[in-house]
Amino acid sequence: MFARFVSISLFIKYLRKLGEGLAWKEVFVLTFTGLKGAIGIALAMQMYRSKDFDHIISYLIMMHVTSNSLITLVIHGTTAGLVVKAFGLTSQKKV
């Protein structure tokens, strides 16, 4: 999450010029609700299908990465609405 926050913060100058802009509250929500292990699962699947690794080790890595992503998704998925409401980002902007 820290790396995601740093990368969004580095490009906030450019992100503010796109669309309606980007406030620091929105940066925090983007950091909190970002992708949850999609790349890790894809790499674990590649390792699991590969013949270069021991089947048991690749199975354990696949299960570890998948369960970690699932737990993160459940925790962040159930609390994301609370974070958005806490920052007051639920109301629509008047045009």
C-alpha atoms as a PDB file:
ATOM      1  CA  MET A   1       0.000   0.000   0.000  1.00  0.00           C
ATOM      2  CA  PHE A   2       2.881   2.345   0.737  1.00  0.00           C
ATOM      3  CA  ALA A   3       4.370   1.793  -2.734  1.00  0.00           C
ATOM      4  CA  ARG A   4       0.967   2.450  -4.335  1.00  0.00           C
ATOM      5  CA  PHE A   5       0.612   5.671  -2.308  1.00  0.00           C
ATOM      6  CA  VAL A   6       4.081   6.847  -3.338  1.00  0.00           C
ATOM      7  CA  SER A   7       3.475   6.104  -7.023  1.00  0.00           C
ATOM      8  CA  ILE A   8       0.125   7.928  -7.041  1.00  0.00           C
ATOM      9  CA  SER A   9       1.657  10.838  -5.114  1.00  0.00           C
ATOM     10  CA  LEU A  10       4.514  11.147  -7.599  1.00  0.00           C
ATOM     11  CA  PHE A  11       2.068  11.522 -10.482  1.00  0.00           C
ATOM     12  CA  ILE A  12      -0.585  13.611  -8.725  1.00  0.00           C
ATOM     13  CA  LYS A  13       0.546  16.706 -10.608  1.00  0.00           C
ATOM     14  CA  TYR A  14      -0.386  15.032 -13.900  1.00  0.00           C
ATOM     15  CA  LEU A  15      -3.452  13.255 -12.527  1.00  0.00           C
ATOM     16  CA  ARG A  16      -4.906  16.583 -11.390  1.00  0.00           C
ATOM     17  CA  LYS A  17      -4.895  17.786 -14.989  1.00  0.00           C
ATOM     18  CA  LEU A  18      -7.016  14.820 -16.138  1.00  0.00           C
ATOM     19  CA  GLY A  19     -10.782  14.955 -15.888  1.00  0.00           C
ATOM     20  CA  GLU A  20     -12.081  16.733 -12.798  1.00  0.00           C
ATOM     21  CA  GLY A  21      -8.806  16.646 -10.908  1.00  0.00           C
ATOM     22  CA  LEU A  22      -7.680  14.607  -7.926  1.00  0.00           C
ATOM     23  CA  ALA A  23      -7.729  15.587  -4.249  1.00  0.00           C
ATOM     24  CA  TRP A  24      -5.637  14.030  -1.461  1.00  0.00           C
ATOM     25  CA  LYS A  25      -8.758  12.341  -0.073  1.00  0.00           C
ATOM     26  CA  GLU A  26      -9.168  10.583  -3.394  1.00  0.00           C
ATOM     27  CA  VAL A  27      -5.487   9.599  -3.411  1.00  0.00           C
ATOM     28  CA  PHE A  28      -5.979   7.840  -0.078  1.00  0.00           C
ATOM     29  CA  VAL A  29      -9.072   6.012  -1.360  1.00  0.00           C
ATOM     30  CA  LEU A  30      -7.187   4.975  -4.522  1.00  0.00           C
ATOM     31  CA  THR A  31      -4.362   3.683  -2.347  1.00  0.00           C
ATOM     32  CA  PHE A  32      -6.692   1.773  -0.056  1.00  0.00           C
ATOM     33  CA  THR A  33      -8.851   0.195  -2.761  1.00  0.00           C
ATOM     34  CA  GLY A  34      -6.264  -0.626  -5.434  1.00  0.00           C
ATOM     35  CA  LEU A  35      -5.797  -4.000  -7.120  1.00  0.00           C
ATOM     36  CA  LYS A  36      -5.550  -6.860  -4.688  1.00  0.00           C
ATOM     37  CA  GLY A  37      -3.009  -9.375  -5.923  1.00  0.00           C
ATOM     38  CA  ALA A  38      -4.016  -9.838  -9.560  1.00  0.00           C
ATOM     39  CA  ILE A  39      -0.412  -9.798 -10.750  1.00  0.00           C
ATOM     40  CA  GLY A  40       0.732 -12.057  -7.911  1.00  0.00           C
ATOM     41  CA  ILE A  41      -1.965 -14.609  -8.723  1.00  0.00           C
ATOM     42  CA  ALA A  42      -1.064 -14.510 -12.418  1.00  0.00           C
ATOM     43  CA  LEU A  43       2.621 -15.141 -11.619  1.00  0.00           C
ATOM     44  CA  ALA A  44       1.759 -17.922  -9.174  1.00  0.00           C
ATOM     45  CA  MET A  45      -0.413 -19.571 -11.833  1.00  0.00           C
ATOM     46  CA  GLN A  46       2.467 -19.429 -14.307  1.00  0.00           C
ATOM     47  CA  MET A  47       4.767 -21.011 -11.747  1.00  0.00           C
ATOM     48  CA  TYR A  48       2.180 -23.686 -10.926  1.00  0.00           C
ATOM     49  CA  ARG A  49       1.829 -24.639 -14.602  1.00  0.00           C
ATOM     50  CA  SER A  50       5.587 -24.650 -15.217  1.00  0.00           C
ATOM     51  CA  LYS A  51       7.541 -27.919 -15.202  1.00  0.00           C
ATOM     52  CA  ASP A  52      10.663 -26.131 -13.881  1.00  0.00           C
ATOM     53  CA  PHE A  53       9.474 -26.081 -10.259  1.00  0.00           C
ATOM     54  CA  ASP A  54       8.606 -28.811  -7.810  1.00  0.00           C
ATOM     55  CA  HIS A  55       4.851 -29.422  -7.896  1.00  0.00           C
ATOM     56  CA  ILE A  56       4.424 -29.269  -4.111  1.00  0.00           C
ATOM     57  CA  ILE A  57       6.356 -25.988  -3.757  1.00  0.00           C
ATOM     58  CA  SER A  58       4.478 -24.337  -6.624  1.00  0.00           C
ATOM     59  CA  TYR A  59       1.164 -25.555  -5.152  1.00  0.00           C
ATOM     60  CA  LEU A  60       2.043 -24.058  -1.757  1.00  0.00           C
ATOM     61  CA  ILE A  61       3.026 -20.750  -3.348  1.00  0.00           C
ATOM     62  CA  MET A  62      -0.191 -20.723  -5.379  1.00  0.00           C
ATOM     63  CA  MET A  63      -2.286 -21.356  -2.269  1.00  0.00           C
ATOM     64  CA  HIS A  64      -0.396 -18.746  -0.236  1.00  0.00           C
ATOM     65  CA  VAL A  65      -0.729 -15.989  -2.863  1.00  0.00           C
ATOM     66  CA  THR A  66      -4.386 -16.794  -3.541  1.00  0.00           C
ATOM     67  CA  SER A  67      -5.367 -16.889   0.137  1.00  0.00           C
ATOM     68  CA  ASN A  68      -3.453 -13.659   0.817  1.00  0.00           C
ATOM     69  CA  SER A  69      -5.254 -11.922  -2.054  1.00  0.00           C
ATOM     70  CA  LEU A  70      -8.615 -13.276  -0.920  1.00  0.00           C
ATOM     71  CA  ILE A  71      -8.150 -12.133   2.663  1.00  0.00           C
ATOM     72  CA  THR A  72      -7.023  -8.692   1.489  1.00  0.00           C
ATOM     73  CA  LEU A  73     -10.010  -8.471  -0.855  1.00  0.00           C
ATOM     74  CA  VAL A  74     -12.454  -9.395   1.910  1.00  0.00           C
ATOM     75  CA  ILE A  75     -10.972  -6.932   4.417  1.00  0.00           C
ATOM     76  CA  HIS A  76     -10.654  -4.018   1.994  1.00  0.00           C
ATOM     77  CA  GLY A  77     -13.888  -4.834   0.203  1.00  0.00           C
ATOM     78  CA  THR A  78     -15.934  -4.646   3.370  1.00  0.00           C
ATOM     79  CA  THR A  79     -14.255  -1.490   4.666  1.00  0.00           C
ATOM     80  CA  ALA A  80     -13.902   0.533   1.425  1.00  0.00           C
ATOM     81  CA  GLY A  81     -17.389   1.993   1.758  1.00  0.00           C
ATOM     82  CA  LEU A  82     -16.601   3.187   5.265  1.00  0.00           C
ATOM     83  CA  VAL A  83     -13.412   4.879   4.059  1.00  0.00           C
ATOM     84  CA  VAL A  84     -15.244   6.628   1.209  1.00  0.00           C
ATOM     85  CA  LYS A  85     -17.970   7.842   3.585  1.00  0.00           C
ATOM     86  CA  ALA A  86     -15.396   8.960   6.169  1.00  0.00           C
ATOM     87  CA  PHE A  87     -13.776  11.258   3.597  1.00  0.00           C
ATOM     88  CA  GLY A  88     -17.127  12.582   2.416  1.00  0.00           C
ATOM     89  CA  LEU A  89     -16.700  11.397  -1.152  1.00  0.00           C
ATOM     90  CA  THR A  90     -20.207   9.963  -1.493  1.00  0.00           C
ATOM     91  CA  SER A  91     -21.925  13.155  -2.613  1.00  0.00           C
ATOM     92  CA  GLN A  92     -21.964  14.163  -6.258  1.00  0.00           C
ATOM     93  CA  LYS A  93     -20.379  17.393  -7.421  1.00  0.00           C
ATOM     94  CA  LYS A  94     -22.717  20.013  -8.899  1.00  0.00           C
ATOM     95  CA  VAL A  95     -21.911  20.828 -12.511  1.00  0.00           C
END
